[in-house]
Amino acid sequence: MANNILVNKIQAPFIKEWVPDFRTGMEVEVYQMINEWDKSRVQKFKGIVISTAWKTALEKTITVRRKVWPFGVERIFAIHSPTIEKIEIIRQFKVRKKYIGFIRDLTWKAARLKEIK
């Protein structure tokens, strides 16, 4: 048996079925469960997907960036992590690259992307 088939069989029970197909340029809202002492709450993080990466299905990650007025905040989310409650796709922008890190250097009007309807 090949190694990749064995790895896929082991990872199969942990993969979430409801996960949509992500691409760079999507605006998403990620709901993540945060545990603080004896309490738990859901934290939302809304931003643009600037990169996607994976080797196997279970290792799929997305990097989400949002602008908080003077600063840019980026977070990397493991999609199949048990702390991720849900991920909503809000809208899709037109991009032609797999990694849109150039958006970090752009500000104000230059940072706008064209929306796909």
PDB file of N, CA and C in Angstrom:
ATOM      1  N   MET A   1       0.844  -1.175   0.000  1.00  0.00           N
ATOM      2  CA  MET A   1       0.000   0.000   0.000  1.00  0.00           C
ATOM      3  C   MET A   1       0.894   1.244   0.000  1.00  0.00           C
ATOM      4  N   ALA A   2       0.560   2.194  -0.843  1.00  0.00           N
ATOM      5  CA  ALA A   2       1.351   3.418  -0.952  1.00  0.00           C
ATOM      6  C   ALA A   2       1.152   4.283   0.292  1.00  0.00           C
ATOM      7  N   ASN A   3       2.161   5.075   0.594  1.00  0.00           N
ATOM      8  CA  ASN A   3       2.107   5.917   1.788  1.00  0.00           C
ATOM      9  C   ASN A   3       0.958   6.912   1.746  1.00  0.00           C
ATOM     10  N   ASN A   4       0.696   7.516   0.574  1.00  0.00           N
ATOM     11  CA  ASN A   4      -0.364   8.526   0.511  1.00  0.00           C
ATOM     12  C   ASN A   4      -1.745   7.909   0.720  1.00  0.00           C
ATOM     13  N   ILE A   5      -1.951   6.686   0.307  1.00  0.00           N
ATOM     14  CA  ILE A   5      -3.236   6.015   0.548  1.00  0.00           C
ATOM     15  C   ILE A   5      -3.405   5.727   2.033  1.00  0.00           C
ATOM     16  N   LEU A   6      -2.338   5.297   2.675  1.00  0.00           N
ATOM     17  CA  LEU A   6      -2.370   5.032   4.111  1.00  0.00           C
ATOM     18  C   LEU A   6      -2.640   6.308   4.898  1.00  0.00           C
ATOM     19  N   VAL A   7      -1.988   7.387   4.522  1.00  0.00           N
ATOM     20  CA  VAL A   7      -2.191   8.676   5.197  1.00  0.00           C
ATOM     21  C   VAL A   7      -3.638   9.144   5.029  1.00  0.00           C
ATOM     22  N   ASN A   8      -4.200   9.008   3.839  1.00  0.00           N
ATOM     23  CA  ASN A   8      -5.589   9.413   3.599  1.00  0.00           C
ATOM     24  C   ASN A   8      -6.572   8.601   4.430  1.00  0.00           C
ATOM     25  N   LYS A   9      -6.323   7.305   4.604  1.00  0.00           N
ATOM     26  CA  LYS A   9      -7.214   6.467   5.418  1.00  0.00           C
ATOM     27  C   LYS A   9      -7.159   6.863   6.891  1.00  0.00           C
ATOM     28  N   ILE A  10      -5.979   7.208   7.369  1.00  0.00           N
ATOM     29  CA  ILE A  10      -5.831   7.605   8.770  1.00  0.00           C
ATOM     30  C   ILE A  10      -6.486   8.961   9.022  1.00  0.00           C
ATOM     31  N   GLN A  11      -6.376   9.889   8.066  1.00  0.00           N
ATOM     32  CA  GLN A  11      -6.902  11.245   8.247  1.00  0.00           C
ATOM     33  C   GLN A  11      -8.400  11.358   7.981  1.00  0.00           C
ATOM     34  N   ALA A  12      -8.993  10.398   7.310  1.00  0.00           N
ATOM     35  CA  ALA A  12     -10.398  10.479   6.881  1.00  0.00           C
ATOM     36  C   ALA A  12     -11.389  10.798   8.000  1.00  0.00           C
ATOM     37  N   PRO A  13     -11.305  10.223   9.198  1.00  0.00           N
ATOM     38  CA  PRO A  13     -12.305  10.540  10.236  1.00  0.00           C
ATOM     39  C   PRO A  13     -12.248  11.984  10.741  1.00  0.00           C
ATOM     40  N   PHE A  14     -11.125  12.667  10.544  1.00  0.00           N
ATOM     41  CA  PHE A  14     -10.949  14.016  11.073  1.00  0.00           C
ATOM     42  C   PHE A  14     -11.308  15.107  10.075  1.00  0.00           C
ATOM     43  N   ILE A  15     -11.571  14.759   8.844  1.00  0.00           N
ATOM     44  CA  ILE A  15     -11.851  15.750   7.808  1.00  0.00           C
ATOM     45  C   ILE A  15     -13.315  16.162   7.873  1.00  0.00           C
ATOM     46  N   LYS A  16     -13.555  17.476   7.880  1.00  0.00           N
ATOM     47  CA  LYS A  16     -14.917  18.013   7.903  1.00  0.00           C
ATOM     48  C   LYS A  16     -15.499  17.990   6.500  1.00  0.00           C
ATOM     49  N   GLU A  17     -16.750  17.591   6.395  1.00  0.00           N
ATOM     50  CA  GLU A  17     -17.393  17.462   5.091  1.00  0.00           C
ATOM     51  C   GLU A  17     -18.001  18.776   4.596  1.00  0.00           C
ATOM     52  N   TRP A  18     -18.313  19.697   5.489  1.00  0.00           N
ATOM     53  CA  TRP A  18     -19.030  20.920   5.127  1.00  0.00           C
ATOM     54  C   TRP A  18     -18.127  22.032   4.590  1.00  0.00           C
ATOM     55  N   VAL A  19     -16.838  21.814   4.517  1.00  0.00           N
ATOM     56  CA  VAL A  19     -15.893  22.866   4.134  1.00  0.00           C
ATOM     57  C   VAL A  19     -16.014  23.179   2.640  1.00  0.00           C
ATOM     58  N   PRO A  20     -16.283  24.442   2.287  1.00  0.00           N
ATOM     59  CA  PRO A  20     -16.352  24.815   0.871  1.00  0.00           C
ATOM     60  C   PRO A  20     -14.957  24.940   0.260  1.00  0.00           C
ATOM     61  N   ASP A  21     -14.916  25.122  -1.035  1.00  0.00           N
ATOM     62  CA  ASP A  21     -13.655  25.284  -1.750  1.00  0.00           C
ATOM     63  C   ASP A  21     -13.189  26.731  -1.610  1.00  0.00           C
ATOM     64  N   PHE A  22     -11.999  26.935  -1.067  1.00  0.00           N
ATOM     65  CA  PHE A  22     -11.474  28.275  -0.858  1.00  0.00           C
ATOM     66  C   PHE A  22     -10.477  28.630  -1.935  1.00  0.00           C
ATOM     67  N   ARG A  23     -10.481  29.908  -2.310  1.00  0.00           N
ATOM     68  CA  ARG A  23      -9.519  30.449  -3.260  1.00  0.00           C
ATOM     69  C   ARG A  23      -9.022  31.783  -2.723  1.00  0.00           C
ATOM     70  N   THR A  24      -7.893  32.220  -3.229  1.00  0.00           N
ATOM     71  CA  THR A  24      -7.411  33.527  -2.820  1.00  0.00           C
ATOM     72  C   THR A  24      -8.341  34.588  -3.390  1.00  0.00           C
ATOM     73  N   GLY A  25      -8.490  35.663  -2.666  1.00  0.00           N
ATOM     74  CA  GLY A  25      -9.353  36.742  -3.108  1.00  0.00           C
ATOM     75  C   GLY A  25     -10.762  36.642  -2.565  1.00  0.00           C
ATOM     76  N   MET A  26     -11.079  35.622  -1.802  1.00  0.00           N
ATOM     77  CA  MET A  26     -12.404  35.512  -1.202  1.00  0.00           C
ATOM     78  C   MET A  26     -12.425  36.275   0.116  1.00  0.00           C
ATOM     79  N   GLU A  27     -13.538  36.938   0.373  1.00  0.00           N
ATOM     80  CA  GLU A  27     -13.729  37.546   1.678  1.00  0.00           C
ATOM     81  C   GLU A  27     -14.506  36.548   2.520  1.00  0.00           C
ATOM     82  N   VAL A  28     -13.933  36.150   3.645  1.00  0.00           N
ATOM     83  CA  VAL A  28     -14.536  35.114   4.473  1.00  0.00           C
ATOM     84  C   VAL A  28     -14.703  35.604   5.899  1.00  0.00           C
ATOM     85  N   GLU A  29     -15.591  34.933   6.614  1.00  0.00           N
ATOM     86  CA  GLU A  29     -15.773  35.177   8.036  1.00  0.00           C
ATOM     87  C   GLU A  29     -15.586  33.836   8.738  1.00  0.00           C
ATOM     88  N   VAL A  30     -14.568  33.761   9.592  1.00  0.00           N
ATOM     89  CA  VAL A  30     -14.217  32.517  10.271  1.00  0.00           C
ATOM     90  C   VAL A  30     -14.717  32.596  11.711  1.00  0.00           C
ATOM     91  N   TYR A  31     -15.481  31.587  12.123  1.00  0.00           N
ATOM     92  CA  TYR A  31     -15.985  31.499  13.491  1.00  0.00           C
ATOM     93  C   TYR A  31     -15.133  30.468  14.226  1.00  0.00           C
ATOM     94  N   GLN A  32     -14.390  30.920  15.246  1.00  0.00           N
ATOM     95  CA  GLN A  32     -13.475  30.044  15.969  1.00  0.00           C
ATOM     96  C   GLN A  32     -13.868  29.991  17.440  1.00  0.00           C
ATOM     97  N   MET A  33     -13.880  28.782  18.002  1.00  0.00           N
ATOM     98  CA  MET A  33     -14.204  28.593  19.411  1.00  0.00           C
ATOM     99  C   MET A  33     -12.961  28.908  20.237  1.00  0.00           C
ATOM    100  N   ILE A  34     -13.130  29.816  21.202  1.00  0.00           N
ATOM    101  CA  ILE A  34     -12.042  30.215  22.091  1.00  0.00           C
ATOM    102  C   ILE A  34     -12.405  29.774  23.502  1.00  0.00           C
ATOM    103  N   ASN A  35     -11.502  29.035  24.163  1.00  0.00           N
ATOM    104  CA  ASN A  35     -11.718  28.593  25.541  1.00  0.00           C
ATOM    105  C   ASN A  35     -10.872  29.444  26.467  1.00  0.00           C
ATOM    106  N   GLU A  36     -11.544  30.115  27.415  1.00  0.00           N
ATOM    107  CA  GLU A  36     -10.858  30.948  28.394  1.00  0.00           C
ATOM    108  C   GLU A  36     -11.253  30.468  29.783  1.00  0.00           C
ATOM    109  N   TRP A  37     -10.343  29.861  30.479  1.00  0.00           N
ATOM    110  CA  TRP A  37     -10.561  29.268  31.784  1.00  0.00           C
ATOM    111  C   TRP A  37     -11.723  28.282  31.712  1.00  0.00           C
ATOM    112  N   ASP A  38     -12.844  28.587  32.339  1.00  0.00           N
ATOM    113  CA  ASP A  38     -13.969  27.647  32.332  1.00  0.00           C
ATOM    114  C   ASP A  38     -15.071  28.080  31.364  1.00  0.00           C
ATOM    115  N   LYS A  39     -14.855  29.137  30.621  1.00  0.00           N
ATOM    116  CA  LYS A  39     -15.844  29.637  29.668  1.00  0.00           C
ATOM    117  C   LYS A  39     -15.368  29.395  28.245  1.00  0.00           C
ATOM    118  N   SER A  40     -16.318  29.344  27.329  1.00  0.00           N
ATOM    119  CA  SER A  40     -15.966  29.267  25.912  1.00  0.00           C
ATOM    120  C   SER A  40     -16.857  30.220  25.138  1.00  0.00           C
ATOM    121  N   ARG A  41     -16.313  30.767  24.073  1.00  0.00           N
ATOM    122  CA  ARG A  41     -17.062  31.707  23.249  1.00  0.00           C
ATOM    123  C   ARG A  41     -16.627  31.549  21.803  1.00  0.00           C
ATOM    124  N   VAL A  42     -17.425  32.096  20.906  1.00  0.00           N
ATOM    125  CA  VAL A  42     -17.101  32.043  19.490  1.00  0.00           C
ATOM    126  C   VAL A  42     -16.586  33.416  19.072  1.00  0.00           C
ATOM    127  N   GLN A  43     -15.415  33.430  18.434  1.00  0.00           N
ATOM    128  CA  GLN A  43     -14.810  34.674  17.967  1.00  0.00           C
ATOM    129  C   GLN A  43     -14.857  34.703  16.449  1.00  0.00           C
ATOM    130  N   LYS A  44     -15.296  35.823  15.886  1.00  0.00           N
ATOM    131  CA  LYS A  44     -15.365  35.982  14.437  1.00  0.00           C
ATOM    132  C   LYS A  44     -14.136  36.732  13.949  1.00  0.00           C
ATOM    133  N   PHE A  45     -13.651  36.326  12.790  1.00  0.00           N
ATOM    134  CA  PHE A  45     -12.540  37.022  12.143  1.00  0.00           C
ATOM    135  C   PHE A  45     -12.897  37.157  10.673  1.00  0.00           C
ATOM    136  N   LYS A  46     -13.080  38.384  10.214  1.00  0.00           N
ATOM    137  CA  LYS A  46     -13.505  38.640   8.846  1.00  0.00           C
ATOM    138  C   LYS A  46     -12.358  39.278   8.077  1.00  0.00           C
ATOM    139  N   GLY A  47     -12.059  38.740   6.887  1.00  0.00           N
ATOM    140  CA  GLY A  47     -10.984  39.299   6.088  1.00  0.00           C
ATOM    141  C   GLY A  47     -10.876  38.621   4.731  1.00  0.00           C
ATOM    142  N   ILE A  48      -9.820  38.946   4.014  1.00  0.00           N
ATOM    143  CA  ILE A  48      -9.590  38.426   2.673  1.00  0.00           C
ATOM    144  C   ILE A  48      -8.557  37.295   2.737  1.00  0.00           C
ATOM    145  N   VAL A  49      -8.834  36.213   2.035  1.00  0.00           N
ATOM    146  CA  VAL A  49      -7.897  35.093   1.956  1.00  0.00           C
ATOM    147  C   VAL A  49      -6.756  35.503   1.032  1.00  0.00           C
ATOM    148  N   ILE A  50      -5.532  35.574   1.590  1.00  0.00           N
ATOM    149  CA  ILE A  50      -4.398  35.969   0.755  1.00  0.00           C
ATOM    150  C   ILE A  50      -3.580  34.771   0.299  1.00  0.00           C
ATOM    151  N   SER A  51      -3.745  33.619   0.962  1.00  0.00           N
ATOM    152  CA  SER A  51      -3.066  32.416   0.484  1.00  0.00           C
ATOM    153  C   SER A  51      -3.751  31.166   1.008  1.00  0.00           C
ATOM    154  N   THR A  52      -3.594  30.089   0.261  1.00  0.00           N
ATOM    155  CA  THR A  52      -4.061  28.776   0.681  1.00  0.00           C
ATOM    156  C   THR A  52      -2.891  27.818   0.543  1.00  0.00           C
ATOM    157  N   ALA A  53      -2.827  26.835   1.433  1.00  0.00           N
ATOM    158  CA  ALA A  53      -1.721  25.877   1.378  1.00  0.00           C
ATOM    159  C   ALA A  53      -2.176  24.545   1.942  1.00  0.00           C
ATOM    160  N   TRP A  54      -1.700  23.465   1.330  1.00  0.00           N
ATOM    161  CA  TRP A  54      -1.935  22.134   1.871  1.00  0.00           C
ATOM    162  C   TRP A  54      -1.076  21.115   1.151  1.00  0.00           C
ATOM    163  N   LYS A  55      -0.739  20.063   1.864  1.00  0.00           N
ATOM    164  CA  LYS A  55      -0.090  18.897   1.279  1.00  0.00           C
ATOM    165  C   LYS A  55      -1.093  17.756   1.234  1.00  0.00           C
ATOM    166  N   THR A  56      -1.773  17.536   2.363  1.00  0.00           N
ATOM    167  CA  THR A  56      -2.852  16.560   2.402  1.00  0.00           C
ATOM    168  C   THR A  56      -4.124  17.298   2.784  1.00  0.00           C
ATOM    169  N   ALA A  57      -5.249  16.626   2.678  1.00  0.00           N
ATOM    170  CA  ALA A  57      -6.539  17.280   2.951  1.00  0.00           C
ATOM    171  C   ALA A  57      -6.626  17.799   4.380  1.00  0.00           C
ATOM    172  N   LEU A  58      -6.076  17.085   5.335  1.00  0.00           N
ATOM    173  CA  LEU A  58      -6.167  17.486   6.732  1.00  0.00           C
ATOM    174  C   LEU A  58      -5.282  18.695   7.052  1.00  0.00           C
ATOM    175  N   GLU A  59      -4.254  18.942   6.260  1.00  0.00           N
ATOM    176  CA  GLU A  59      -3.315  20.031   6.511  1.00  0.00           C
ATOM    177  C   GLU A  59      -3.705  21.324   5.812  1.00  0.00           C
ATOM    178  N   LYS A  60      -4.891  21.408   5.265  1.00  0.00           N
ATOM    179  CA  LYS A  60      -5.300  22.585   4.501  1.00  0.00           C
ATOM    180  C   LYS A  60      -5.402  23.803   5.425  1.00  0.00           C
ATOM    181  N   THR A  61      -4.726  24.888   5.034  1.00  0.00           N
ATOM    182  CA  THR A  61      -4.760  26.128   5.812  1.00  0.00           C
ATOM    183  C   THR A  61      -5.059  27.304   4.900  1.00  0.00           C
ATOM    184  N   ILE A  62      -5.626  28.342   5.491  1.00  0.00           N
ATOM    185  CA  ILE A  62      -5.830  29.592   4.772  1.00  0.00           C
ATOM    186  C   ILE A  62      -5.256  30.725   5.615  1.00  0.00           C
ATOM    187  N   THR A  63      -4.694  31.704   4.948  1.00  0.00           N
ATOM    188  CA  THR A  63      -4.202  32.904   5.617  1.00  0.00           C
ATOM    189  C   THR A  63      -5.186  34.017   5.319  1.00  0.00           C
ATOM    190  N   VAL A  64      -5.763  34.578   6.380  1.00  0.00           N
ATOM    191  CA  VAL A  64      -6.787  35.614   6.246  1.00  0.00           C
ATOM    192  C   VAL A  64      -6.219  36.919   6.769  1.00  0.00           C
ATOM    193  N   ARG A  65      -6.391  37.987   5.996  1.00  0.00           N
ATOM    194  CA  ARG A  65      -5.876  39.304   6.364  1.00  0.00           C
ATOM    195  C   ARG A  65      -7.021  40.291   6.445  1.00  0.00           C
ATOM    196  N   ARG A  66      -7.003  41.101   7.481  1.00  0.00           N
ATOM    197  CA  ARG A  66      -7.970  42.183   7.576  1.00  0.00           C
ATOM    198  C   ARG A  66      -7.253  43.449   8.018  1.00  0.00           C
ATOM    199  N   LYS A  67      -7.829  44.542   7.650  1.00  0.00           N
ATOM    200  CA  LYS A  67      -7.248  45.844   7.972  1.00  0.00           C
ATOM    201  C   LYS A  67      -7.961  46.392   9.199  1.00  0.00           C
ATOM    202  N   VAL A  68      -7.196  46.619  10.262  1.00  0.00           N
ATOM    203  CA  VAL A  68      -7.710  47.270  11.459  1.00  0.00           C
ATOM    204  C   VAL A  68      -7.018  48.620  11.486  1.00  0.00           C
ATOM    205  N   TRP A  69      -7.735  49.643  11.237  1.00  0.00           N
ATOM    206  CA  TRP A  69      -7.340  50.934  10.733  1.00  0.00           C
ATOM    207  C   TRP A  69      -5.857  51.135  10.440  1.00  0.00           C
ATOM    208  N   PRO A  70      -4.960  51.441  11.386  1.00  0.00           N
ATOM    209  CA  PRO A  70      -3.593  51.680  10.925  1.00  0.00           C
ATOM    210  C   PRO A  70      -2.786  50.398  10.687  1.00  0.00           C
ATOM    211  N   PHE A  71      -3.306  49.272  11.117  1.00  0.00           N
ATOM    212  CA  PHE A  71      -2.542  48.031  11.063  1.00  0.00           C
ATOM    213  C   PHE A  71      -3.240  46.983  10.215  1.00  0.00           C
ATOM    214  N   GLY A  72      -2.470  46.039   9.727  1.00  0.00           N
ATOM    215  CA  GLY A  72      -3.016  44.860   9.069  1.00  0.00           C
ATOM    216  C   GLY A  72      -2.824  43.666   9.986  1.00  0.00           C
ATOM    217  N   VAL A  73      -3.853  42.855  10.128  1.00  0.00           N
ATOM    218  CA  VAL A  73      -3.788  41.688  10.997  1.00  0.00           C
ATOM    219  C   VAL A  73      -3.968  40.441  10.134  1.00  0.00           C
ATOM    220  N   GLU A  74      -3.072  39.482  10.277  1.00  0.00           N
ATOM    221  CA  GLU A  74      -3.162  38.230   9.528  1.00  0.00           C
ATOM    222  C   GLU A  74      -3.237  37.068  10.497  1.00  0.00           C
ATOM    223  N   ARG A  75      -4.090  36.105  10.145  1.00  0.00           N
ATOM    224  CA  ARG A  75      -4.179  34.884  10.940  1.00  0.00           C
ATOM    225  C   ARG A  75      -4.194  33.689  10.005  1.00  0.00           C
ATOM    226  N   ILE A  76      -3.553  32.638  10.430  1.00  0.00           N
ATOM    227  CA  ILE A  76      -3.539  31.398   9.665  1.00  0.00           C
ATOM    228  C   ILE A  76      -4.467  30.418  10.368  1.00  0.00           C
ATOM    229  N   PHE A  77      -5.439  29.898   9.619  1.00  0.00           N
ATOM    230  CA  PHE A  77      -6.416  28.967  10.171  1.00  0.00           C
ATOM    231  C   PHE A  77      -6.238  27.599   9.529  1.00  0.00           C
ATOM    232  N   ALA A  78      -6.198  26.554  10.355  1.00  0.00           N
ATOM    233  CA  ALA A  78      -6.259  25.184   9.861  1.00  0.00           C
ATOM    234  C   ALA A  78      -7.749  24.864   9.689  1.00  0.00           C
ATOM    235  N   ILE A  79      -8.172  24.627   8.472  1.00  0.00           N
ATOM    236  CA  ILE A  79      -9.595  24.503   8.166  1.00  0.00           C
ATOM    237  C   ILE A  79     -10.247  23.348   8.901  1.00  0.00           C
ATOM    238  N   HIS A  80      -9.561  22.223   9.028  1.00  0.00           N
ATOM    239  CA  HIS A  80     -10.141  21.038   9.647  1.00  0.00           C
ATOM    240  C   HIS A  80      -9.873  20.952  11.148  1.00  0.00           C
ATOM    241  N   SER A  81      -9.457  22.054  11.749  1.00  0.00           N
ATOM    242  CA  SER A  81      -9.218  22.095  13.184  1.00  0.00           C
ATOM    243  C   SER A  81     -10.538  21.971  13.939  1.00  0.00           C
ATOM    244  N   PRO A  82     -10.555  21.289  15.084  1.00  0.00           N
ATOM    245  CA  PRO A  82     -11.800  21.167  15.847  1.00  0.00           C
ATOM    246  C   PRO A  82     -12.283  22.488  16.443  1.00  0.00           C
ATOM    247  N   THR A  83     -11.427  23.505  16.521  1.00  0.00           N
ATOM    248  CA  THR A  83     -11.862  24.792  17.077  1.00  0.00           C
ATOM    249  C   THR A  83     -12.622  25.646  16.069  1.00  0.00           C
ATOM    250  N   ILE A  84     -12.570  25.312  14.795  1.00  0.00           N
ATOM    251  CA  ILE A  84     -13.279  26.085  13.771  1.00  0.00           C
ATOM    252  C   ILE A  84     -14.738  25.635  13.735  1.00  0.00           C
ATOM    253  N   GLU A  85     -15.635  26.547  14.075  1.00  0.00           N
ATOM    254  CA  GLU A  85     -17.062  26.241  14.079  1.00  0.00           C
ATOM    255  C   GLU A  85     -17.635  26.244  12.667  1.00  0.00           C
ATOM    256  N   LYS A  86     -17.421  27.361  11.959  1.00  0.00           N
ATOM    257  CA  LYS A  86     -17.875  27.451  10.567  1.00  0.00           C
ATOM    258  C   LYS A  86     -17.110  28.549   9.856  1.00  0.00           C
ATOM    259  N   ILE A  87     -17.146  28.483   8.537  1.00  0.00           N
ATOM    260  CA  ILE A  87     -16.505  29.490   7.697  1.00  0.00           C
ATOM    261  C   ILE A  87     -17.506  29.902   6.640  1.00  0.00           C
ATOM    262  N   GLU A  88     -17.812  31.198   6.586  1.00  0.00           N
ATOM    263  CA  GLU A  88     -18.762  31.716   5.606  1.00  0.00           C
ATOM    264  C   GLU A  88     -18.006  32.481   4.526  1.00  0.00           C
ATOM    265  N   ILE A  89     -18.373  32.219   3.289  1.00  0.00           N
ATOM    266  CA  ILE A  89     -17.818  32.991   2.173  1.00  0.00           C
ATOM    267  C   ILE A  89     -18.770  34.157   1.930  1.00  0.00           C
ATOM    268  N   ILE A  90     -18.257  35.365   2.042  1.00  0.00           N
ATOM    269  CA  ILE A  90     -19.088  36.555   1.889  1.00  0.00           C
ATOM    270  C   ILE A  90     -19.123  36.998   0.429  1.00  0.00           C
ATOM    271  N   ARG A  91     -17.953  37.121  -0.190  1.00  0.00           N
ATOM    272  CA  ARG A  91     -17.896  37.509  -1.602  1.00  0.00           C
ATOM    273  C   ARG A  91     -16.552  37.103  -2.189  1.00  0.00           C
ATOM    274  N   GLN A  92     -16.475  37.176  -3.513  1.00  0.00           N
ATOM    275  CA  GLN A  92     -15.286  36.763  -4.256  1.00  0.00           C
ATOM    276  C   GLN A  92     -14.763  37.949  -5.050  1.00  0.00           C
ATOM    277  N   PHE A  93     -13.468  38.170  -4.988  1.00  0.00           N
ATOM    278  CA  PHE A  93     -12.825  39.215  -5.760  1.00  0.00           C
ATOM    279  C   PHE A  93     -12.024  38.599  -6.895  1.00  0.00           C
ATOM    280  N   LYS A  94     -11.791  39.387  -7.935  1.00  0.00           N
ATOM    281  CA  LYS A  94     -11.043  38.913  -9.088  1.00  0.00           C
ATOM    282  C   LYS A  94      -9.549  39.021  -8.797  1.00  0.00           C
ATOM    283  N   VAL A  95      -8.879  37.876  -8.752  1.00  0.00           N
ATOM    284  CA  VAL A  95      -7.424  37.836  -8.605  1.00  0.00           C
ATOM    285  C   VAL A  95      -6.887  36.792  -9.564  1.00  0.00           C
ATOM    286  N   ARG A  96      -5.641  36.960  -9.986  1.00  0.00           N
ATOM    287  CA  ARG A  96      -5.059  36.033 -10.950  1.00  0.00           C
ATOM    288  C   ARG A  96      -3.840  35.318 -10.393  1.00  0.00           C
ATOM    289  N   LYS A  97      -3.653  35.388  -9.088  1.00  0.00           N
ATOM    290  CA  LYS A  97      -2.488  34.763  -8.476  1.00  0.00           C
ATOM    291  C   LYS A  97      -2.915  33.861  -7.328  1.00  0.00           C
ATOM    292  N   LYS A  98      -2.067  32.923  -6.988  1.00  0.00           N
ATOM    293  CA  LYS A  98      -2.357  32.030  -5.868  1.00  0.00           C
ATOM    294  C   LYS A  98      -2.057  32.707  -4.539  1.00  0.00           C
ATOM    295  N   TYR A  99      -1.113  33.617  -4.544  1.00  0.00           N
ATOM    296  CA  TYR A  99      -0.698  34.316  -3.333  1.00  0.00           C
ATOM    297  C   TYR A  99      -0.751  35.817  -3.598  1.00  0.00           C
ATOM    298  N   ILE A 100      -1.608  36.523  -2.882  1.00  0.00           N
ATOM    299  CA  ILE A 100      -1.754  37.961  -3.130  1.00  0.00           C
ATOM    300  C   ILE A 100      -1.133  38.770  -1.978  1.00  0.00           C
ATOM    301  N   GLY A 101       0.106  38.462  -1.656  1.00  0.00           N
ATOM    302  CA  GLY A 101       0.810  39.164  -0.593  1.00  0.00           C
ATOM    303  C   GLY A 101       1.106  40.615  -0.933  1.00  0.00           C
ATOM    304  N   PHE A 102       1.004  40.958  -2.229  1.00  0.00           N
ATOM    305  CA  PHE A 102       1.262  42.339  -2.631  1.00  0.00           C
ATOM    306  C   PHE A 102       0.257  43.304  -2.012  1.00  0.00           C
ATOM    307  N   ILE A 103      -0.869  42.792  -1.568  1.00  0.00           N
ATOM    308  CA  ILE A 103      -1.902  43.660  -0.997  1.00  0.00           C
ATOM    309  C   ILE A 103      -1.460  44.249   0.344  1.00  0.00           C
ATOM    310  N   ARG A 104      -0.429  43.674   0.947  1.00  0.00           N
ATOM    311  CA  ARG A 104       0.089  44.201   2.214  1.00  0.00           C
ATOM    312  C   ARG A 104       0.652  45.600   2.047  1.00  0.00           C
ATOM    313  N   ASP A 105       1.274  45.858   0.913  1.00  0.00           N
ATOM    314  CA  ASP A 105       1.938  47.137   0.694  1.00  0.00           C
ATOM    315  C   ASP A 105       0.996  48.217   0.181  1.00  0.00           C
ATOM    316  N   LEU A 106      -0.201  47.828  -0.262  1.00  0.00           N
ATOM    317  CA  LEU A 106      -1.135  48.789  -0.825  1.00  0.00           C
ATOM    318  C   LEU A 106      -2.006  49.401   0.264  1.00  0.00           C
ATOM    319  N   THR A 107      -2.378  50.658   0.069  1.00  0.00           N
ATOM    320  CA  THR A 107      -3.231  51.327   1.040  1.00  0.00           C
ATOM    321  C   THR A 107      -4.384  52.018   0.339  1.00  0.00           C
ATOM    322  N   TRP A 108      -5.434  52.270   1.085  1.00  0.00           N
ATOM    323  CA  TRP A 108      -6.607  53.006   0.651  1.00  0.00           C
ATOM    324  C   TRP A 108      -7.155  52.536  -0.694  1.00  0.00           C
ATOM    325  N   LYS A 109      -7.222  53.413  -1.687  1.00  0.00           N
ATOM    326  CA  LYS A 109      -7.858  53.059  -2.959  1.00  0.00           C
ATOM    327  C   LYS A 109      -7.061  52.024  -3.746  1.00  0.00           C
ATOM    328  N   ALA A 110      -5.757  52.015  -3.581  1.00  0.00           N
ATOM    329  CA  ALA A 110      -4.927  51.061  -4.307  1.00  0.00           C
ATOM    330  C   ALA A 110      -5.189  49.619  -3.859  1.00  0.00           C
ATOM    331  N   ALA A 111      -5.687  49.449  -2.638  1.00  0.00           N
ATOM    332  CA  ALA A 111      -5.905  48.110  -2.087  1.00  0.00           C
ATOM    333  C   ALA A 111      -7.254  47.518  -2.506  1.00  0.00           C
ATOM    334  N   ARG A 112      -8.035  48.248  -3.284  1.00  0.00           N
ATOM    335  CA  ARG A 112      -9.349  47.736  -3.693  1.00  0.00           C
ATOM    336  C   ARG A 112      -9.191  46.648  -4.739  1.00  0.00           C
ATOM    337  N   LEU A 113     -10.056  45.656  -4.658  1.00  0.00           N
ATOM    338  CA  LEU A 113     -10.095  44.588  -5.650  1.00  0.00           C
ATOM    339  C   LEU A 113     -11.463  44.601  -6.309  1.00  0.00           C
ATOM    340  N   LYS A 114     -11.527  44.126  -7.537  1.00  0.00           N
ATOM    341  CA  LYS A 114     -12.786  44.108  -8.278  1.00  0.00           C
ATOM    342  C   LYS A 114     -13.596  42.879  -7.867  1.00  0.00           C
ATOM    343  N   GLU A 115     -14.863  43.098  -7.525  1.00  0.00           N
ATOM    344  CA  GLU A 115     -15.722  42.015  -7.060  1.00  0.00           C
ATOM    345  C   GLU A 115     -16.322  41.255  -8.228  1.00  0.00           C
ATOM    346  N   ILE A 116     -16.405  39.933  -8.080  1.00  0.00           N
ATOM    347  CA  ILE A 116     -17.074  39.077  -9.047  1.00  0.00           C
ATOM    348  C   ILE A 116     -18.495  38.862  -8.558  1.00  0.00           C
ATOM    349  N   LYS A 117     -19.480  39.113  -9.418  1.00  0.00           N
ATOM    350  CA  LYS A 117     -20.875  38.950  -8.995  1.00  0.00           C
ATOM    351  C   LYS A 117     -21.474  37.693  -9.527  1.00  0.00           C
TER     352      LYS A 117
END
